[in-house]
Amino acid sequence: MGWGCFKGPSLDSKSKEEVMPYVVTDACIDVKDRSCIAECPVDCIYEGGRMLYINPEECIDCGACEPACPTDAIYWADDLPENKKEFKRINKEFFIPIGNLHGANKLKDTTMDHPEIRDK
């Protein structure tokens, strides 16, 4: 599973852009409290090496994760502050090399991160 370059379709279509409900941001980096995972009814929050990521294709927009996060790292995508807007893209691109696994419990490599998070 390589990251390669992020060109081409996959989770990049406009329809997928419009349905991105919740986004994990930089307040999760090197914290990964995991309270949000316990609250998620559909197992759409995946653990990376340095932070958690929400799969936009699996999230049902229930909002259970947002209040569970003690670091306020989770935002509804439309409410992202200007300085955190890149995390919408980062969360989406995290899933390009792994695809849609239909549940975070199926991800075996929990050390991988989006390149921009890994290299921070």
PDB file of N, CA and C in Angstrom:
ATOM      1  N   MET A   1       0.828  -1.187   0.000  1.00  0.00           N
ATOM      2  CA  MET A   1       0.000   0.000   0.000  1.00  0.00           C
ATOM      3  C   MET A   1       0.866   1.241   0.000  1.00  0.00           C
ATOM      4  N   GLY A   2       1.021   1.867  -1.112  1.00  0.00           N
ATOM      5  CA  GLY A   2       1.828   3.074  -1.152  1.00  0.00           C
ATOM      6  C   GLY A   2       0.970   4.306  -1.271  1.00  0.00           C
ATOM      7  N   TRP A   3       1.556   5.420  -0.930  1.00  0.00           N
ATOM      8  CA  TRP A   3       0.816   6.677  -1.031  1.00  0.00           C
ATOM      9  C   TRP A   3       0.928   7.252  -2.419  1.00  0.00           C
ATOM     10  N   GLY A   4       2.061   7.049  -3.090  1.00  0.00           N
ATOM     11  CA  GLY A   4       2.203   7.597  -4.431  1.00  0.00           C
ATOM     12  C   GLY A   4       1.868   9.075  -4.446  1.00  0.00           C
ATOM     13  N   CYS A   5       1.358   9.541  -5.554  1.00  0.00           N
ATOM     14  CA  CYS A   5       0.909  10.925  -5.599  1.00  0.00           C
ATOM     15  C   CYS A   5      -0.608  10.910  -5.640  1.00  0.00           C
ATOM     16  N   PHE A   6      -1.215  11.936  -5.137  1.00  0.00           N
ATOM     17  CA  PHE A   6      -2.668  11.971  -5.033  1.00  0.00           C
ATOM     18  C   PHE A   6      -3.264  12.565  -6.295  1.00  0.00           C
ATOM     19  N   LYS A   7      -3.221  11.807  -7.391  1.00  0.00           N
ATOM     20  CA  LYS A   7      -3.805  12.235  -8.656  1.00  0.00           C
ATOM     21  C   LYS A   7      -4.824  11.202  -9.075  1.00  0.00           C
ATOM     22  N   GLY A   8      -5.825  11.668  -9.729  1.00  0.00           N
ATOM     23  CA  GLY A   8      -6.829  10.759 -10.244  1.00  0.00           C
ATOM     24  C   GLY A   8      -8.013  10.652  -9.320  1.00  0.00           C
ATOM     25  N   PRO A   9      -9.048   9.944  -9.757  1.00  0.00           N
ATOM     26  CA  PRO A   9     -10.261   9.838  -8.976  1.00  0.00           C
ATOM     27  C   PRO A   9     -10.082   8.936  -7.780  1.00  0.00           C
ATOM     28  N   SER A  10     -11.065   8.534  -7.185  1.00  0.00           N
ATOM     29  CA  SER A  10     -11.173   7.640  -6.049  1.00  0.00           C
ATOM     30  C   SER A  10     -12.161   8.305  -5.125  1.00  0.00           C
ATOM     31  N   LEU A  11     -11.713   8.829  -4.017  1.00  0.00           N
ATOM     32  CA  LEU A  11     -12.636   9.517  -3.119  1.00  0.00           C
ATOM     33  C   LEU A  11     -12.688  11.009  -3.448  1.00  0.00           C
ATOM     34  N   ASP A  12     -12.386  11.402  -4.683  1.00  0.00           N
ATOM     35  CA  ASP A  12     -12.267  12.805  -5.038  1.00  0.00           C
ATOM     36  C   ASP A  12     -13.438  13.389  -5.818  1.00  0.00           C
ATOM     37  N   SER A  13     -14.465  12.655  -6.091  1.00  0.00           N
ATOM     38  CA  SER A  13     -15.534  13.190  -6.917  1.00  0.00           C
ATOM     39  C   SER A  13     -16.298  14.279  -6.180  1.00  0.00           C
ATOM     40  N   LYS A  14     -16.966  15.139  -6.930  1.00  0.00           N
ATOM     41  CA  LYS A  14     -17.728  16.227  -6.318  1.00  0.00           C
ATOM     42  C   LYS A  14     -18.812  15.683  -5.406  1.00  0.00           C
ATOM     43  N   SER A  15     -19.453  14.595  -5.772  1.00  0.00           N
ATOM     44  CA  SER A  15     -20.511  14.055  -4.934  1.00  0.00           C
ATOM     45  C   SER A  15     -19.955  13.622  -3.581  1.00  0.00           C
ATOM     46  N   LYS A  16     -18.744  13.065  -3.560  1.00  0.00           N
ATOM     47  CA  LYS A  16     -18.136  12.675  -2.290  1.00  0.00           C
ATOM     48  C   LYS A  16     -17.734  13.912  -1.497  1.00  0.00           C
ATOM     49  N   GLU A  17     -17.314  14.962  -2.179  1.00  0.00           N
ATOM     50  CA  GLU A  17     -16.941  16.213  -1.521  1.00  0.00           C
ATOM     51  C   GLU A  17     -18.127  16.769  -0.754  1.00  0.00           C
ATOM     52  N   GLU A  18     -19.290  16.670  -1.348  1.00  0.00           N
ATOM     53  CA  GLU A  18     -20.485  17.248  -0.747  1.00  0.00           C
ATOM     54  C   GLU A  18     -20.981  16.450   0.448  1.00  0.00           C
ATOM     55  N   VAL A  19     -20.631  15.174   0.572  1.00  0.00           N
ATOM     56  CA  VAL A  19     -21.162  14.364   1.658  1.00  0.00           C
ATOM     57  C   VAL A  19     -20.181  14.177   2.812  1.00  0.00           C
ATOM     58  N   MET A  20     -19.095  14.908   2.831  1.00  0.00           N
ATOM     59  CA  MET A  20     -18.108  14.785   3.904  1.00  0.00           C
ATOM     60  C   MET A  20     -18.706  15.375   5.183  1.00  0.00           C
ATOM     61  N   PRO A  21     -19.169  14.537   6.103  1.00  0.00           N
ATOM     62  CA  PRO A  21     -19.824  15.076   7.287  1.00  0.00           C
ATOM     63  C   PRO A  21     -18.858  15.610   8.348  1.00  0.00           C
ATOM     64  N   TYR A  22     -18.072  14.752   8.946  1.00  0.00           N
ATOM     65  CA  TYR A  22     -17.194  15.154  10.041  1.00  0.00           C
ATOM     66  C   TYR A  22     -15.737  14.944   9.671  1.00  0.00           C
ATOM     67  N   VAL A  23     -14.873  15.772  10.269  1.00  0.00           N
ATOM     68  CA  VAL A  23     -13.456  15.807   9.926  1.00  0.00           C
ATOM     69  C   VAL A  23     -12.629  15.857  11.212  1.00  0.00           C
ATOM     70  N   VAL A  24     -11.581  15.057  11.263  1.00  0.00           N
ATOM     71  CA  VAL A  24     -10.626  15.115  12.376  1.00  0.00           C
ATOM     72  C   VAL A  24      -9.517  16.086  11.981  1.00  0.00           C
ATOM     73  N   THR A  25      -9.132  16.959  12.900  1.00  0.00           N
ATOM     74  CA  THR A  25      -8.139  17.989  12.603  1.00  0.00           C
ATOM     75  C   THR A  25      -6.871  17.816  13.440  1.00  0.00           C
ATOM     76  N   ASP A  26      -6.003  18.812  13.366  1.00  0.00           N
ATOM     77  CA  ASP A  26      -4.670  18.751  13.969  1.00  0.00           C
ATOM     78  C   ASP A  26      -4.641  18.595  15.488  1.00  0.00           C
ATOM     79  N   ALA A  27      -5.712  18.906  16.182  1.00  0.00           N
ATOM     80  CA  ALA A  27      -5.717  18.729  17.637  1.00  0.00           C
ATOM     81  C   ALA A  27      -5.614  17.256  18.032  1.00  0.00           C
ATOM     82  N   CYS A  28      -5.803  16.367  17.087  1.00  0.00           N
ATOM     83  CA  CYS A  28      -5.696  14.930  17.349  1.00  0.00           C
ATOM     84  C   CYS A  28      -4.270  14.412  17.161  1.00  0.00           C
ATOM     85  N   ILE A  29      -3.438  15.155  16.455  1.00  0.00           N
ATOM     86  CA  ILE A  29      -2.088  14.685  16.148  1.00  0.00           C
ATOM     87  C   ILE A  29      -1.316  14.405  17.441  1.00  0.00           C
ATOM     88  N   ASP A  30      -0.811  13.191  17.542  1.00  0.00           N
ATOM     89  CA  ASP A  30      -0.032  12.701  18.685  1.00  0.00           C
ATOM     90  C   ASP A  30      -0.819  12.651  19.990  1.00  0.00           C
ATOM     91  N   VAL A  31      -2.157  12.724  19.894  1.00  0.00           N
ATOM     92  CA  VAL A  31      -3.023  12.607  21.083  1.00  0.00           C
ATOM     93  C   VAL A  31      -3.841  11.325  20.993  1.00  0.00           C
ATOM     94  N   LYS A  32      -4.617  11.173  19.925  1.00  0.00           N
ATOM     95  CA  LYS A  32      -5.446   9.992  19.667  1.00  0.00           C
ATOM     96  C   LYS A  32      -6.149   9.474  20.919  1.00  0.00           C
ATOM     97  N   ASP A  33      -6.978  10.293  21.514  1.00  0.00           N
ATOM     98  CA  ASP A  33      -7.706   9.910  22.730  1.00  0.00           C
ATOM     99  C   ASP A  33      -8.613   8.691  22.525  1.00  0.00           C
ATOM    100  N   ARG A  34      -9.208   8.551  21.373  1.00  0.00           N
ATOM    101  CA  ARG A  34     -10.047   7.424  20.981  1.00  0.00           C
ATOM    102  C   ARG A  34     -11.451   7.424  21.592  1.00  0.00           C
ATOM    103  N   SER A  35     -11.829   8.436  22.347  1.00  0.00           N
ATOM    104  CA  SER A  35     -13.194   8.510  22.885  1.00  0.00           C
ATOM    105  C   SER A  35     -14.209   8.533  21.752  1.00  0.00           C
ATOM    106  N   CYS A  36     -13.857   9.174  20.666  1.00  0.00           N
ATOM    107  CA  CYS A  36     -14.759   9.255  19.514  1.00  0.00           C
ATOM    108  C   CYS A  36     -15.016   7.874  18.920  1.00  0.00           C
ATOM    109  N   ILE A  37     -14.011   7.026  18.925  1.00  0.00           N
ATOM    110  CA  ILE A  37     -14.156   5.677  18.373  1.00  0.00           C
ATOM    111  C   ILE A  37     -15.198   4.898  19.174  1.00  0.00           C
ATOM    112  N   ALA A  38     -15.163   5.052  20.473  1.00  0.00           N
ATOM    113  CA  ALA A  38     -16.117   4.353  21.338  1.00  0.00           C
ATOM    114  C   ALA A  38     -17.552   4.805  21.084  1.00  0.00           C
ATOM    115  N   GLU A  39     -17.737   6.042  20.656  1.00  0.00           N
ATOM    116  CA  GLU A  39     -19.075   6.580  20.422  1.00  0.00           C
ATOM    117  C   GLU A  39     -19.599   6.343  19.013  1.00  0.00           C
ATOM    118  N   CYS A  40     -18.730   6.049  18.077  1.00  0.00           N
ATOM    119  CA  CYS A  40     -19.135   5.909  16.677  1.00  0.00           C
ATOM    120  C   CYS A  40     -19.949   4.623  16.470  1.00  0.00           C
ATOM    121  N   PRO A  41     -21.206   4.746  16.035  1.00  0.00           N
ATOM    122  CA  PRO A  41     -22.035   3.545  15.870  1.00  0.00           C
ATOM    123  C   PRO A  41     -21.739   2.746  14.601  1.00  0.00           C
ATOM    124  N   VAL A  42     -20.943   3.309  13.667  1.00  0.00           N
ATOM    125  CA  VAL A  42     -20.691   2.609  12.409  1.00  0.00           C
ATOM    126  C   VAL A  42     -19.217   2.281  12.174  1.00  0.00           C
ATOM    127  N   ASP A  43     -18.367   2.494  13.141  1.00  0.00           N
ATOM    128  CA  ASP A  43     -16.949   2.125  13.043  1.00  0.00           C
ATOM    129  C   ASP A  43     -16.262   2.799  11.852  1.00  0.00           C
ATOM    130  N   CYS A  44     -16.481   4.124  11.694  1.00  0.00           N
ATOM    131  CA  CYS A  44     -15.908   4.836  10.544  1.00  0.00           C
ATOM    132  C   CYS A  44     -14.700   5.693  10.918  1.00  0.00           C
ATOM    133  N   ILE A  45     -14.233   5.611  12.163  1.00  0.00           N
ATOM    134  CA  ILE A  45     -13.078   6.391  12.596  1.00  0.00           C
ATOM    135  C   ILE A  45     -11.882   5.454  12.663  1.00  0.00           C
ATOM    136  N   TYR A  46     -10.912   5.725  11.788  1.00  0.00           N
ATOM    137  CA  TYR A  46      -9.750   4.863  11.620  1.00  0.00           C
ATOM    138  C   TYR A  46      -8.544   5.447  12.339  1.00  0.00           C
ATOM    139  N   GLU A  47      -7.735   4.571  12.891  1.00  0.00           N
ATOM    140  CA  GLU A  47      -6.542   5.011  13.598  1.00  0.00           C
ATOM    141  C   GLU A  47      -5.328   4.974  12.686  1.00  0.00           C
ATOM    142  N   GLY A  48      -4.665   6.109  12.594  1.00  0.00           N
ATOM    143  CA  GLY A  48      -3.399   6.183  11.891  1.00  0.00           C
ATOM    144  C   GLY A  48      -2.278   6.202  12.910  1.00  0.00           C
ATOM    145  N   GLY A  49      -1.075   6.390  12.459  1.00  0.00           N
ATOM    146  CA  GLY A  49       0.071   6.409  13.354  1.00  0.00           C
ATOM    147  C   GLY A  49       0.082   7.590  14.312  1.00  0.00           C
ATOM    148  N   ARG A  50      -0.328   8.766  13.808  1.00  0.00           N
ATOM    149  CA  ARG A  50      -0.271   9.978  14.631  1.00  0.00           C
ATOM    150  C   ARG A  50      -1.630  10.595  14.922  1.00  0.00           C
ATOM    151  N   MET A  51      -2.656  10.232  14.161  1.00  0.00           N
ATOM    152  CA  MET A  51      -3.986  10.799  14.404  1.00  0.00           C
ATOM    153  C   MET A  51      -5.061   9.855  13.893  1.00  0.00           C
ATOM    154  N   LEU A  52      -6.299  10.207  14.158  1.00  0.00           N
ATOM    155  CA  LEU A  52      -7.454   9.448  13.694  1.00  0.00           C
ATOM    156  C   LEU A  52      -8.021  10.114  12.445  1.00  0.00           C
ATOM    157  N   TYR A  53      -8.742   9.341  11.635  1.00  0.00           N
ATOM    158  CA  TYR A  53      -9.322   9.830  10.390  1.00  0.00           C
ATOM    159  C   TYR A  53     -10.745   9.309  10.264  1.00  0.00           C
ATOM    160  N   ILE A  54     -11.652  10.139   9.766  1.00  0.00           N
ATOM    161  CA  ILE A  54     -13.033   9.719   9.547  1.00  0.00           C
ATOM    162  C   ILE A  54     -13.226   9.411   8.071  1.00  0.00           C
ATOM    163  N   ASN A  55     -13.736   8.219   7.781  1.00  0.00           N
ATOM    164  CA  ASN A  55     -13.995   7.829   6.401  1.00  0.00           C
ATOM    165  C   ASN A  55     -15.284   8.514   5.933  1.00  0.00           C
ATOM    166  N   PRO A  56     -15.183   9.406   4.939  1.00  0.00           N
ATOM    167  CA  PRO A  56     -16.369  10.146   4.499  1.00  0.00           C
ATOM    168  C   PRO A  56     -17.436   9.280   3.850  1.00  0.00           C
ATOM    169  N   GLU A  57     -17.055   8.121   3.334  1.00  0.00           N
ATOM    170  CA  GLU A  57     -18.033   7.231   2.708  1.00  0.00           C
ATOM    171  C   GLU A  57     -18.769   6.379   3.737  1.00  0.00           C
ATOM    172  N   GLU A  58     -18.235   6.252   4.934  1.00  0.00           N
ATOM    173  CA  GLU A  58     -18.856   5.410   5.954  1.00  0.00           C
ATOM    174  C   GLU A  58     -19.587   6.219   7.022  1.00  0.00           C
ATOM    175  N   CYS A  59     -19.204   7.465   7.207  1.00  0.00           N
ATOM    176  CA  CYS A  59     -19.812   8.303   8.239  1.00  0.00           C
ATOM    177  C   CYS A  59     -21.285   8.537   7.923  1.00  0.00           C
ATOM    178  N   ILE A  60     -22.143   8.358   8.916  1.00  0.00           N
ATOM    179  CA  ILE A  60     -23.583   8.533   8.716  1.00  0.00           C
ATOM    180  C   ILE A  60     -24.066   9.885   9.243  1.00  0.00           C
ATOM    181  N   ASP A  61     -23.138  10.773   9.603  1.00  0.00           N
ATOM    182  CA  ASP A  61     -23.489  12.132  10.023  1.00  0.00           C
ATOM    183  C   ASP A  61     -24.324  12.151  11.300  1.00  0.00           C
ATOM    184  N   CYS A  62     -24.044  11.228  12.219  1.00  0.00           N
ATOM    185  CA  CYS A  62     -24.827  11.173  13.461  1.00  0.00           C
ATOM    186  C   CYS A  62     -24.345  12.195  14.484  1.00  0.00           C
ATOM    187  N   GLY A  63     -23.071  12.605  14.393  1.00  0.00           N
ATOM    188  CA  GLY A  63     -22.528  13.609  15.298  1.00  0.00           C
ATOM    189  C   GLY A  63     -22.087  13.094  16.657  1.00  0.00           C
ATOM    190  N   ALA A  64     -22.129  11.805  16.889  1.00  0.00           N
ATOM    191  CA  ALA A  64     -21.756  11.256  18.196  1.00  0.00           C
ATOM    192  C   ALA A  64     -20.290  11.479  18.525  1.00  0.00           C
ATOM    193  N   CYS A  65     -19.447  11.538  17.516  1.00  0.00           N
ATOM    194  CA  CYS A  65     -18.008  11.669  17.734  1.00  0.00           C
ATOM    195  C   CYS A  65     -17.600  13.058  18.217  1.00  0.00           C
ATOM    196  N   GLU A  66     -18.249  14.077  17.716  1.00  0.00           N
ATOM    197  CA  GLU A  66     -17.828  15.454  17.987  1.00  0.00           C
ATOM    198  C   GLU A  66     -17.812  15.798  19.482  1.00  0.00           C
ATOM    199  N   PRO A  67     -18.894  15.597  20.224  1.00  0.00           N
ATOM    200  CA  PRO A  67     -18.846  15.934  21.650  1.00  0.00           C
ATOM    201  C   PRO A  67     -17.979  14.980  22.476  1.00  0.00           C
ATOM    202  N   ALA A  68     -17.693  13.795  21.941  1.00  0.00           N
ATOM    203  CA  ALA A  68     -16.878  12.819  22.665  1.00  0.00           C
ATOM    204  C   ALA A  68     -15.399  13.170  22.647  1.00  0.00           C
ATOM    205  N   CYS A  69     -14.982  14.029  21.729  1.00  0.00           N
ATOM    206  CA  CYS A  69     -13.569  14.364  21.572  1.00  0.00           C
ATOM    207  C   CYS A  69     -13.141  15.392  22.620  1.00  0.00           C
ATOM    208  N   PRO A  70     -12.233  15.020  23.528  1.00  0.00           N
ATOM    209  CA  PRO A  70     -11.816  15.943  24.588  1.00  0.00           C
ATOM    210  C   PRO A  70     -10.884  17.060  24.113  1.00  0.00           C
ATOM    211  N   THR A  71     -10.325  16.916  22.901  1.00  0.00           N
ATOM    212  CA  THR A  71      -9.414  17.948  22.399  1.00  0.00           C
ATOM    213  C   THR A  71     -10.074  18.847  21.349  1.00  0.00           C
ATOM    214  N   ASP A  72     -11.366  18.674  21.126  1.00  0.00           N
ATOM    215  CA  ASP A  72     -12.094  19.451  20.117  1.00  0.00           C
ATOM    216  C   ASP A  72     -11.435  19.356  18.744  1.00  0.00           C
ATOM    217  N   ALA A  73     -11.022  18.164  18.382  1.00  0.00           N
ATOM    218  CA  ALA A  73     -10.360  17.937  17.099  1.00  0.00           C
ATOM    219  C   ALA A  73     -11.339  17.620  15.988  1.00  0.00           C
ATOM    220  N   ILE A  74     -12.596  17.343  16.317  1.00  0.00           N
ATOM    221  CA  ILE A  74     -13.576  16.936  15.315  1.00  0.00           C
ATOM    222  C   ILE A  74     -14.549  18.076  15.043  1.00  0.00           C
ATOM    223  N   TYR A  75     -14.735  18.341  13.751  1.00  0.00           N
ATOM    224  CA  TYR A  75     -15.654  19.389  13.318  1.00  0.00           C
ATOM    225  C   TYR A  75     -16.599  18.835  12.269  1.00  0.00           C
ATOM    226  N   TRP A  76     -17.804  19.374  12.248  1.00  0.00           N
ATOM    227  CA  TRP A  76     -18.670  19.138  11.117  1.00  0.00           C
ATOM    228  C   TRP A  76     -17.997  19.851   9.958  1.00  0.00           C
ATOM    229  N   ALA A  77     -17.887  19.235   8.808  1.00  0.00           N
ATOM    230  CA  ALA A  77     -17.080  19.759   7.695  1.00  0.00           C
ATOM    231  C   ALA A  77     -17.433  21.196   7.319  1.00  0.00           C
ATOM    232  N   ASP A  78     -18.705  21.537   7.348  1.00  0.00           N
ATOM    233  CA  ASP A  78     -19.112  22.896   6.977  1.00  0.00           C
ATOM    234  C   ASP A  78     -18.726  23.936   8.022  1.00  0.00           C
ATOM    235  N   ASP A  79     -18.360  23.492   9.214  1.00  0.00           N
ATOM    236  CA  ASP A  79     -17.981  24.418  10.290  1.00  0.00           C
ATOM    237  C   ASP A  79     -16.478  24.492  10.526  1.00  0.00           C
ATOM    238  N   LEU A  80     -15.695  23.898   9.641  1.00  0.00           N
ATOM    239  CA  LEU A  80     -14.243  23.933   9.812  1.00  0.00           C
ATOM    240  C   LEU A  80     -13.737  25.372   9.790  1.00  0.00           C
ATOM    241  N   PRO A  81     -12.915  25.758  10.775  1.00  0.00           N
ATOM    242  CA  PRO A  81     -12.287  27.083  10.715  1.00  0.00           C
ATOM    243  C   PRO A  81     -11.385  27.162   9.486  1.00  0.00           C
ATOM    244  N   GLU A  82     -11.168  28.332   9.002  1.00  0.00           N
ATOM    245  CA  GLU A  82     -10.366  28.546   7.789  1.00  0.00           C
ATOM    246  C   GLU A  82      -8.994  27.877   7.891  1.00  0.00           C
ATOM    247  N   ASN A  83      -8.354  27.955   9.055  1.00  0.00           N
ATOM    248  CA  ASN A  83      -7.010  27.407   9.219  1.00  0.00           C
ATOM    249  C   ASN A  83      -6.982  25.883   9.379  1.00  0.00           C
ATOM    250  N   LYS A  84      -8.148  25.235   9.307  1.00  0.00           N
ATOM    251  CA  LYS A  84      -8.212  23.773   9.416  1.00  0.00           C
ATOM    252  C   LYS A  84      -8.874  23.135   8.197  1.00  0.00           C
ATOM    253  N   LYS A  85      -9.187  23.922   7.203  1.00  0.00           N
ATOM    254  CA  LYS A  85      -9.908  23.408   6.028  1.00  0.00           C
ATOM    255  C   LYS A  85      -9.140  22.317   5.279  1.00  0.00           C
ATOM    256  N   GLU A  86      -7.822  22.330   5.323  1.00  0.00           N
ATOM    257  CA  GLU A  86      -7.050  21.298   4.617  1.00  0.00           C
ATOM    258  C   GLU A  86      -7.290  19.909   5.193  1.00  0.00           C
ATOM    259  N   PHE A  87      -7.807  19.818   6.423  1.00  0.00           N
ATOM    260  CA  PHE A  87      -8.045  18.513   7.039  1.00  0.00           C
ATOM    261  C   PHE A  87      -9.223  17.778   6.406  1.00  0.00           C
ATOM    262  N   LYS A  88     -10.094  18.493   5.732  1.00  0.00           N
ATOM    263  CA  LYS A  88     -11.159  17.839   4.969  1.00  0.00           C
ATOM    264  C   LYS A  88     -10.523  16.992   3.869  1.00  0.00           C
ATOM    265  N   ARG A  89      -9.589  17.580   3.163  1.00  0.00           N
ATOM    266  CA  ARG A  89      -8.862  16.878   2.109  1.00  0.00           C
ATOM    267  C   ARG A  89      -7.991  15.766   2.700  1.00  0.00           C
ATOM    268  N   ILE A  90      -7.299  16.052   3.773  1.00  0.00           N
ATOM    269  CA  ILE A  90      -6.399  15.075   4.401  1.00  0.00           C
ATOM    270  C   ILE A  90      -7.169  13.841   4.853  1.00  0.00           C
ATOM    271  N   ASN A  91      -8.324  14.037   5.508  1.00  0.00           N
ATOM    272  CA  ASN A  91      -9.135  12.894   5.942  1.00  0.00           C
ATOM    273  C   ASN A  91      -9.569  12.064   4.742  1.00  0.00           C
ATOM    274  N   LYS A  92      -9.996  12.726   3.682  1.00  0.00           N
ATOM    275  CA  LYS A  92     -10.461  12.028   2.484  1.00  0.00           C
ATOM    276  C   LYS A  92      -9.312  11.273   1.822  1.00  0.00           C
ATOM    277  N   GLU A  93      -8.169  11.927   1.658  1.00  0.00           N
ATOM    278  CA  GLU A  93      -7.033  11.307   0.968  1.00  0.00           C
ATOM    279  C   GLU A  93      -6.409  10.159   1.748  1.00  0.00           C
ATOM    280  N   PHE A  94      -6.562  10.129   3.050  1.00  0.00           N
ATOM    281  CA  PHE A  94      -6.038   9.022   3.846  1.00  0.00           C
ATOM    282  C   PHE A  94      -6.562   7.683   3.332  1.00  0.00           C
ATOM    283  N   PHE A  95      -7.792   7.688   2.818  1.00  0.00           N
ATOM    284  CA  PHE A  95      -8.430   6.443   2.393  1.00  0.00           C
ATOM    285  C   PHE A  95      -8.125   6.035   0.956  1.00  0.00           C
ATOM    286  N   ILE A  96      -7.441   6.867   0.191  1.00  0.00           N
ATOM    287  CA  ILE A  96      -7.133   6.523  -1.206  1.00  0.00           C
ATOM    288  C   ILE A  96      -6.322   5.230  -1.308  1.00  0.00           C
ATOM    289  N   PRO A  97      -5.225   5.068  -0.578  1.00  0.00           N
ATOM    290  CA  PRO A  97      -4.458   3.826  -0.745  1.00  0.00           C
ATOM    291  C   PRO A  97      -5.097   2.600  -0.107  1.00  0.00           C
ATOM    292  N   ILE A  98      -5.995   2.780   0.865  1.00  0.00           N
ATOM    293  CA  ILE A  98      -6.578   1.610   1.532  1.00  0.00           C
ATOM    294  C   ILE A  98      -7.968   1.274   1.025  1.00  0.00           C
ATOM    295  N   GLY A  99      -8.611   2.227   0.354  1.00  0.00           N
ATOM    296  CA  GLY A  99      -9.954   1.987  -0.145  1.00  0.00           C
ATOM    297  C   GLY A  99     -10.984   2.032   0.969  1.00  0.00           C
ATOM    298  N   ASN A 100     -12.161   1.555   0.655  1.00  0.00           N
ATOM    299  CA  ASN A 100     -13.244   1.550   1.630  1.00  0.00           C
ATOM    300  C   ASN A 100     -13.325   0.164   2.255  1.00  0.00           C
ATOM    301  N   LEU A 101     -12.913   0.051   3.490  1.00  0.00           N
ATOM    302  CA  LEU A 101     -12.869  -1.246   4.170  1.00  0.00           C
ATOM    303  C   LEU A 101     -14.181  -1.609   4.858  1.00  0.00           C
ATOM    304  N   HIS A 102     -15.113  -0.668   4.922  1.00  0.00           N
ATOM    305  CA  HIS A 102     -16.402  -0.883   5.581  1.00  0.00           C
ATOM    306  C   HIS A 102     -16.220  -1.238   7.056  1.00  0.00           C
ATOM    307  N   GLY A 103     -15.401  -0.468   7.729  1.00  0.00           N
ATOM    308  CA  GLY A 103     -15.199  -0.661   9.164  1.00  0.00           C
ATOM    309  C   GLY A 103     -13.744  -0.528   9.554  1.00  0.00           C
ATOM    310  N   ALA A 104     -13.484   0.340  10.507  1.00  0.00           N
ATOM    311  CA  ALA A 104     -12.116   0.599  10.950  1.00  0.00           C
ATOM    312  C   ALA A 104     -11.452  -0.627  11.549  1.00  0.00           C
ATOM    313  N   ASN A 105     -12.237  -1.532  12.100  1.00  0.00           N
ATOM    314  CA  ASN A 105     -11.654  -2.731  12.708  1.00  0.00           C
ATOM    315  C   ASN A 105     -10.966  -3.626  11.682  1.00  0.00           C
ATOM    316  N   LYS A 106     -11.190  -3.358  10.391  1.00  0.00           N
ATOM    317  CA  LYS A 106     -10.559  -4.160   9.335  1.00  0.00           C
ATOM    318  C   LYS A 106      -9.193  -3.614   8.908  1.00  0.00           C
ATOM    319  N   LEU A 107      -8.827  -2.440   9.397  1.00  0.00           N
ATOM    320  CA  LEU A 107      -7.523  -1.873   9.055  1.00  0.00           C
ATOM    321  C   LEU A 107      -6.466  -2.502   9.956  1.00  0.00           C
ATOM    322  N   LYS A 108      -5.552  -3.207   9.351  1.00  0.00           N
ATOM    323  CA  LYS A 108      -4.524  -3.909  10.125  1.00  0.00           C
ATOM    324  C   LYS A 108      -3.295  -3.043  10.388  1.00  0.00           C
ATOM    325  N   ASP A 109      -2.967  -2.142   9.467  1.00  0.00           N
ATOM    326  CA  ASP A 109      -1.786  -1.288   9.625  1.00  0.00           C
ATOM    327  C   ASP A 109      -2.204   0.042  10.234  1.00  0.00           C
ATOM    328  N   THR A 110      -2.067   0.174  11.537  1.00  0.00           N
ATOM    329  CA  THR A 110      -2.455   1.413  12.210  1.00  0.00           C
ATOM    330  C   THR A 110      -1.249   2.329  12.430  1.00  0.00           C
ATOM    331  N   THR A 111      -0.199   2.121  11.655  1.00  0.00           N
ATOM    332  CA  THR A 111       0.972   2.992  11.767  1.00  0.00           C
ATOM    333  C   THR A 111       1.033   3.996  10.622  1.00  0.00           C
ATOM    334  N   MET A 112       0.213   3.797   9.587  1.00  0.00           N
ATOM    335  CA  MET A 112       0.270   4.690   8.433  1.00  0.00           C
ATOM    336  C   MET A 112      -0.462   5.998   8.724  1.00  0.00           C
ATOM    337  N   ASP A 113      -0.039   7.042   8.051  1.00  0.00           N
ATOM    338  CA  ASP A 113      -0.669   8.367   8.137  1.00  0.00           C
ATOM    339  C   ASP A 113      -0.647   9.007   6.767  1.00  0.00           C
ATOM    340  N   HIS A 114      -1.468   9.994   6.611  1.00  0.00           N
ATOM    341  CA  HIS A 114      -1.391  10.838   5.417  1.00  0.00           C
ATOM    342  C   HIS A 114      -0.004  11.458   5.420  1.00  0.00           C
ATOM    343  N   PRO A 115       0.652  11.607   4.270  1.00  0.00           N
ATOM    344  CA  PRO A 115       2.017  12.154   4.225  1.00  0.00           C
ATOM    345  C   PRO A 115       2.167  13.498   4.933  1.00  0.00           C
ATOM    346  N   GLU A 116       1.174  14.364   4.836  1.00  0.00           N
ATOM    347  CA  GLU A 116       1.290  15.674   5.482  1.00  0.00           C
ATOM    348  C   GLU A 116       1.249  15.569   7.016  1.00  0.00           C
ATOM    349  N   ILE A 117       0.643  14.536   7.540  1.00  0.00           N
ATOM    350  CA  ILE A 117       0.616  14.315   8.989  1.00  0.00           C
ATOM    351  C   ILE A 117       1.882  13.578   9.409  1.00  0.00           C
ATOM    352  N   ARG A 118       2.228  12.573   8.662  1.00  0.00           N
ATOM    353  CA  ARG A 118       3.432  11.776   8.958  1.00  0.00           C
ATOM    354  C   ARG A 118       4.662  12.665   9.021  1.00  0.00           C
ATOM    355  N   ASP A 119       4.768  13.637   8.111  1.00  0.00           N
ATOM    356  CA  ASP A 119       5.957  14.451   7.988  1.00  0.00           C
ATOM    357  C   ASP A 119       5.921  15.734   8.816  1.00  0.00           C
ATOM    358  N   LYS A 120       4.886  15.954   9.572  1.00  0.00           N
ATOM    359  CA  LYS A 120       4.802  17.179  10.401  1.00  0.00           C
ATOM    360  C   LYS A 120       5.801  17.142  11.521  1.00  0.00           C
TER     361      LYS A 120
END
